[in-house]
């Protein structure tokens, strides 16, 4: 993994964690964030998808998990 890929992946995960759908005070709160190749235009998403194993410990350290793994077509992020 390149330094740029690492930085883009972490930047994406920071955006995931700070999304309004995780803010219990926001009217749009859902408690999860649905991402997919067709709906997520952030290049960091596909870096996470393609290097899921390498990002798993970073996600755990950030308190981010998924409902059923990381998949290009759909990943449901949750806070752990």
N, C-alpha and C. Protein backbone atom coordinates (compact mmCIF):
# COMPACT_ATOMS: atom_id res chain seq x y z
N UNK A 1 0.84 -1.17 0.00
CA UNK A 1 0.00 0.00 0.00
C UNK A 1 0.89 1.23 0.00
N UNK A 2 0.55 2.18 -0.84
CA UNK A 2 1.33 3.41 -0.90
C UNK A 2 0.91 4.36 0.23
N UNK A 3 1.74 5.33 0.49
CA UNK A 3 1.41 6.34 1.49
C UNK A 3 0.15 7.09 1.10
N UNK A 4 0.00 7.39 -0.19
CA UNK A 4 -1.18 8.11 -0.68
C UNK A 4 -2.45 7.28 -0.46
N UNK A 5 -2.38 5.98 -0.74
CA UNK A 5 -3.53 5.11 -0.51
C UNK A 5 -3.91 5.08 0.96
N UNK A 6 -2.91 4.97 1.81
CA UNK A 6 -3.16 4.97 3.24
C UNK A 6 -3.84 6.27 3.68
N UNK A 7 -3.31 7.39 3.21
CA UNK A 7 -3.88 8.69 3.58
C UNK A 7 -5.30 8.85 3.07
N UNK A 8 -5.57 8.44 1.82
CA UNK A 8 -6.92 8.54 1.27
C UNK A 8 -7.89 7.63 2.02
N UNK A 9 -7.45 6.43 2.37
CA UNK A 9 -8.29 5.51 3.12
C UNK A 9 -8.64 6.04 4.49
N UNK A 10 -7.65 6.58 5.19
CA UNK A 10 -7.89 7.15 6.52
C UNK A 10 -8.78 8.37 6.42
N UNK A 11 -8.56 9.21 5.43
CA UNK A 11 -9.41 10.39 5.24
C UNK A 11 -10.87 9.97 5.03
N UNK A 12 -11.07 8.93 4.22
CA UNK A 12 -12.42 8.42 3.99
C UNK A 12 -13.04 7.92 5.29
N UNK A 13 -12.29 7.15 6.06
CA UNK A 13 -12.81 6.61 7.33
C UNK A 13 -13.14 7.72 8.32
N UNK A 14 -12.37 8.79 8.32
CA UNK A 14 -12.68 9.93 9.19
C UNK A 14 -14.00 10.57 8.78
N UNK A 15 -14.25 10.65 7.46
CA UNK A 15 -15.52 11.19 6.98
C UNK A 15 -16.67 10.27 7.37
N UNK A 16 -16.44 8.97 7.28
CA UNK A 16 -17.47 8.01 7.68
C UNK A 16 -17.82 8.24 9.15
N UNK A 17 -16.82 8.27 10.00
CA UNK A 17 -17.06 8.39 11.44
C UNK A 17 -17.77 9.68 11.82
N UNK A 18 -17.53 10.75 11.07
CA UNK A 18 -18.14 12.04 11.41
C UNK A 18 -19.44 12.31 10.65
N UNK A 19 -19.94 11.33 9.91
CA UNK A 19 -21.16 11.52 9.13
C UNK A 19 -22.36 11.79 10.05
N UNK A 20 -23.26 12.64 9.58
CA UNK A 20 -24.43 13.03 10.37
C UNK A 20 -25.30 11.82 10.72
N UNK A 21 -25.22 10.77 9.96
CA UNK A 21 -26.06 9.59 10.23
C UNK A 21 -25.63 8.84 11.50
N UNK A 22 -24.48 9.25 12.06
CA UNK A 22 -24.04 8.70 13.34
C UNK A 22 -24.25 9.67 14.49
N UNK A 23 -24.78 10.86 14.20
CA UNK A 23 -25.01 11.87 15.23
C UNK A 23 -26.44 11.73 15.76
N UNK A 24 -26.56 11.24 16.99
CA UNK A 24 -27.89 10.99 17.56
C UNK A 24 -28.72 12.26 17.72
N UNK A 25 -28.08 13.41 17.68
CA UNK A 25 -28.80 14.68 17.78
C UNK A 25 -29.31 15.18 16.43
N UNK A 26 -28.86 14.59 15.35
CA UNK A 26 -29.24 15.02 14.01
C UNK A 26 -30.55 14.33 13.60
N UNK A 27 -31.47 15.08 12.96
CA UNK A 27 -32.73 14.47 12.53
C UNK A 27 -32.52 13.35 11.50
N UNK A 28 -31.38 13.33 10.83
CA UNK A 28 -31.09 12.30 9.85
C UNK A 28 -30.36 11.09 10.42
N UNK A 29 -30.30 11.01 11.76
CA UNK A 29 -29.58 9.92 12.41
C UNK A 29 -30.18 8.57 12.01
N UNK A 30 -29.30 7.64 11.63
CA UNK A 30 -29.72 6.28 11.32
C UNK A 30 -28.95 5.24 12.14
N UNK A 31 -27.74 5.59 12.56
CA UNK A 31 -26.91 4.65 13.29
C UNK A 31 -26.07 3.77 12.38
N UNK A 32 -26.13 4.01 11.10
CA UNK A 32 -25.31 3.29 10.13
C UNK A 32 -25.12 4.17 8.90
N UNK A 33 -24.14 3.80 8.08
CA UNK A 33 -23.86 4.53 6.84
C UNK A 33 -23.67 3.52 5.73
N UNK A 34 -24.51 3.60 4.72
CA UNK A 34 -24.46 2.68 3.60
C UNK A 34 -23.60 3.29 2.49
N UNK A 35 -22.58 2.56 2.06
CA UNK A 35 -21.70 2.99 0.98
C UNK A 35 -21.65 1.91 -0.09
N UNK A 36 -21.38 2.33 -1.30
CA UNK A 36 -21.24 1.38 -2.40
C UNK A 36 -20.51 2.03 -3.55
N UNK A 37 -19.96 1.21 -4.41
CA UNK A 37 -19.19 1.71 -5.54
C UNK A 37 -20.01 2.66 -6.41
N UNK A 38 -21.31 2.39 -6.56
CA UNK A 38 -22.17 3.21 -7.40
C UNK A 38 -22.65 4.49 -6.73
N UNK A 39 -22.59 4.55 -5.39
CA UNK A 39 -23.12 5.72 -4.69
C UNK A 39 -22.07 6.51 -3.91
N UNK A 40 -20.86 6.01 -3.86
CA UNK A 40 -19.80 6.66 -3.09
C UNK A 40 -18.69 7.10 -4.03
N UNK A 41 -18.57 8.41 -4.22
CA UNK A 41 -17.59 8.91 -5.19
C UNK A 41 -16.22 9.21 -4.58
N UNK A 42 -16.05 8.94 -3.30
CA UNK A 42 -14.77 9.18 -2.65
C UNK A 42 -13.80 8.05 -3.03
N UNK A 43 -12.62 8.39 -3.58
CA UNK A 43 -11.67 7.35 -3.99
C UNK A 43 -11.17 6.50 -2.81
N UNK A 44 -11.25 7.03 -1.61
CA UNK A 44 -10.84 6.29 -0.44
C UNK A 44 -11.69 5.05 -0.20
N UNK A 45 -12.94 5.09 -0.65
CA UNK A 45 -13.82 3.93 -0.46
C UNK A 45 -13.28 2.70 -1.16
N UNK A 46 -12.92 2.83 -2.43
CA UNK A 46 -12.44 1.67 -3.17
C UNK A 46 -11.06 1.23 -2.67
N UNK A 47 -10.29 2.15 -2.12
CA UNK A 47 -9.03 1.75 -1.50
C UNK A 47 -9.33 0.86 -0.29
N UNK A 48 -10.31 1.24 0.52
CA UNK A 48 -10.72 0.43 1.67
C UNK A 48 -11.21 -0.93 1.19
N UNK A 49 -12.02 -0.94 0.14
CA UNK A 49 -12.56 -2.19 -0.40
C UNK A 49 -11.42 -3.11 -0.87
N UNK A 50 -10.50 -2.54 -1.62
CA UNK A 50 -9.43 -3.34 -2.20
C UNK A 50 -8.35 -3.75 -1.20
N UNK A 51 -8.32 -3.10 -0.06
CA UNK A 51 -7.30 -3.39 0.95
C UNK A 51 -7.95 -3.56 2.33
N UNK A 52 -9.10 -4.22 2.33
CA UNK A 52 -9.90 -4.35 3.55
C UNK A 52 -9.10 -4.95 4.70
N UNK A 53 -8.35 -5.97 4.43
CA UNK A 53 -7.59 -6.62 5.50
C UNK A 53 -6.57 -5.67 6.11
N UNK A 54 -5.95 -4.86 5.28
CA UNK A 54 -4.94 -3.92 5.77
C UNK A 54 -5.56 -2.78 6.57
N UNK A 55 -6.82 -2.45 6.29
CA UNK A 55 -7.48 -1.35 7.00
C UNK A 55 -8.28 -1.84 8.21
N UNK A 56 -8.40 -3.13 8.39
CA UNK A 56 -9.25 -3.65 9.47
C UNK A 56 -8.80 -3.15 10.85
N UNK A 57 -7.50 -3.14 11.10
CA UNK A 57 -7.02 -2.68 12.42
C UNK A 57 -7.21 -1.18 12.59
N UNK A 58 -7.10 -0.42 11.49
CA UNK A 58 -7.31 1.03 11.56
C UNK A 58 -8.77 1.31 11.89
N UNK A 59 -9.66 0.59 11.22
CA UNK A 59 -11.09 0.75 11.50
C UNK A 59 -11.39 0.42 12.96
N UNK A 60 -10.83 -0.65 13.45
CA UNK A 60 -11.06 -1.05 14.85
C UNK A 60 -10.56 0.04 15.80
N UNK A 61 -9.39 0.58 15.53
CA UNK A 61 -8.84 1.65 16.37
C UNK A 61 -9.73 2.90 16.34
N UNK A 62 -10.39 3.14 15.20
CA UNK A 62 -11.26 4.31 15.05
C UNK A 62 -12.67 4.05 15.56
N UNK A 63 -12.97 2.81 15.95
CA UNK A 63 -14.31 2.48 16.43
C UNK A 63 -15.32 2.28 15.31
N UNK A 64 -14.83 1.88 14.14
CA UNK A 64 -15.70 1.67 12.99
C UNK A 64 -15.74 0.18 12.65
N UNK A 65 -16.93 -0.33 12.42
CA UNK A 65 -17.10 -1.71 11.99
C UNK A 65 -18.05 -1.75 10.80
N UNK A 66 -18.42 -2.94 10.40
CA UNK A 66 -19.40 -3.11 9.32
C UNK A 66 -20.41 -4.15 9.75
N UNK A 67 -21.57 -4.13 9.11
CA UNK A 67 -22.60 -5.13 9.42
C UNK A 67 -22.23 -6.49 8.86
N UNK A 68 -21.66 -6.53 7.65
CA UNK A 68 -21.36 -7.84 7.05
C UNK A 68 -20.14 -7.79 6.14
N UNK A 69 -19.12 -7.10 6.57
CA UNK A 69 -17.89 -7.04 5.80
C UNK A 69 -17.85 -5.89 4.81
N UNK A 70 -16.73 -5.79 4.13
CA UNK A 70 -16.50 -4.71 3.17
C UNK A 70 -16.63 -5.28 1.76
N UNK A 71 -17.55 -4.71 1.00
CA UNK A 71 -17.83 -5.18 -0.36
C UNK A 71 -18.04 -3.98 -1.27
N UNK A 72 -17.52 -4.05 -2.48
CA UNK A 72 -17.61 -2.93 -3.42
C UNK A 72 -19.06 -2.50 -3.64
N UNK A 73 -19.95 -3.48 -3.84
CA UNK A 73 -21.33 -3.13 -4.17
C UNK A 73 -22.10 -2.55 -3.00
N UNK A 74 -21.76 -2.96 -1.76
CA UNK A 74 -22.42 -2.37 -0.60
C UNK A 74 -21.67 -2.71 0.69
N UNK A 75 -21.39 -1.68 1.45
CA UNK A 75 -20.81 -1.83 2.77
C UNK A 75 -21.62 -0.98 3.71
N UNK A 76 -22.07 -1.56 4.81
CA UNK A 76 -22.82 -0.83 5.81
C UNK A 76 -21.90 -0.63 7.01
N UNK A 77 -21.47 0.62 7.18
CA UNK A 77 -20.58 0.97 8.29
C UNK A 77 -21.39 1.23 9.54
N UNK A 78 -20.87 0.80 10.68
CA UNK A 78 -21.48 1.05 11.98
C UNK A 78 -20.38 1.48 12.94
N UNK A 79 -20.77 2.11 14.02
CA UNK A 79 -19.80 2.46 15.05
C UNK A 79 -19.83 1.36 16.09
N UNK A 80 -18.63 0.99 16.56
CA UNK A 80 -18.52 -0.08 17.54
C UNK A 80 -18.03 0.45 18.87
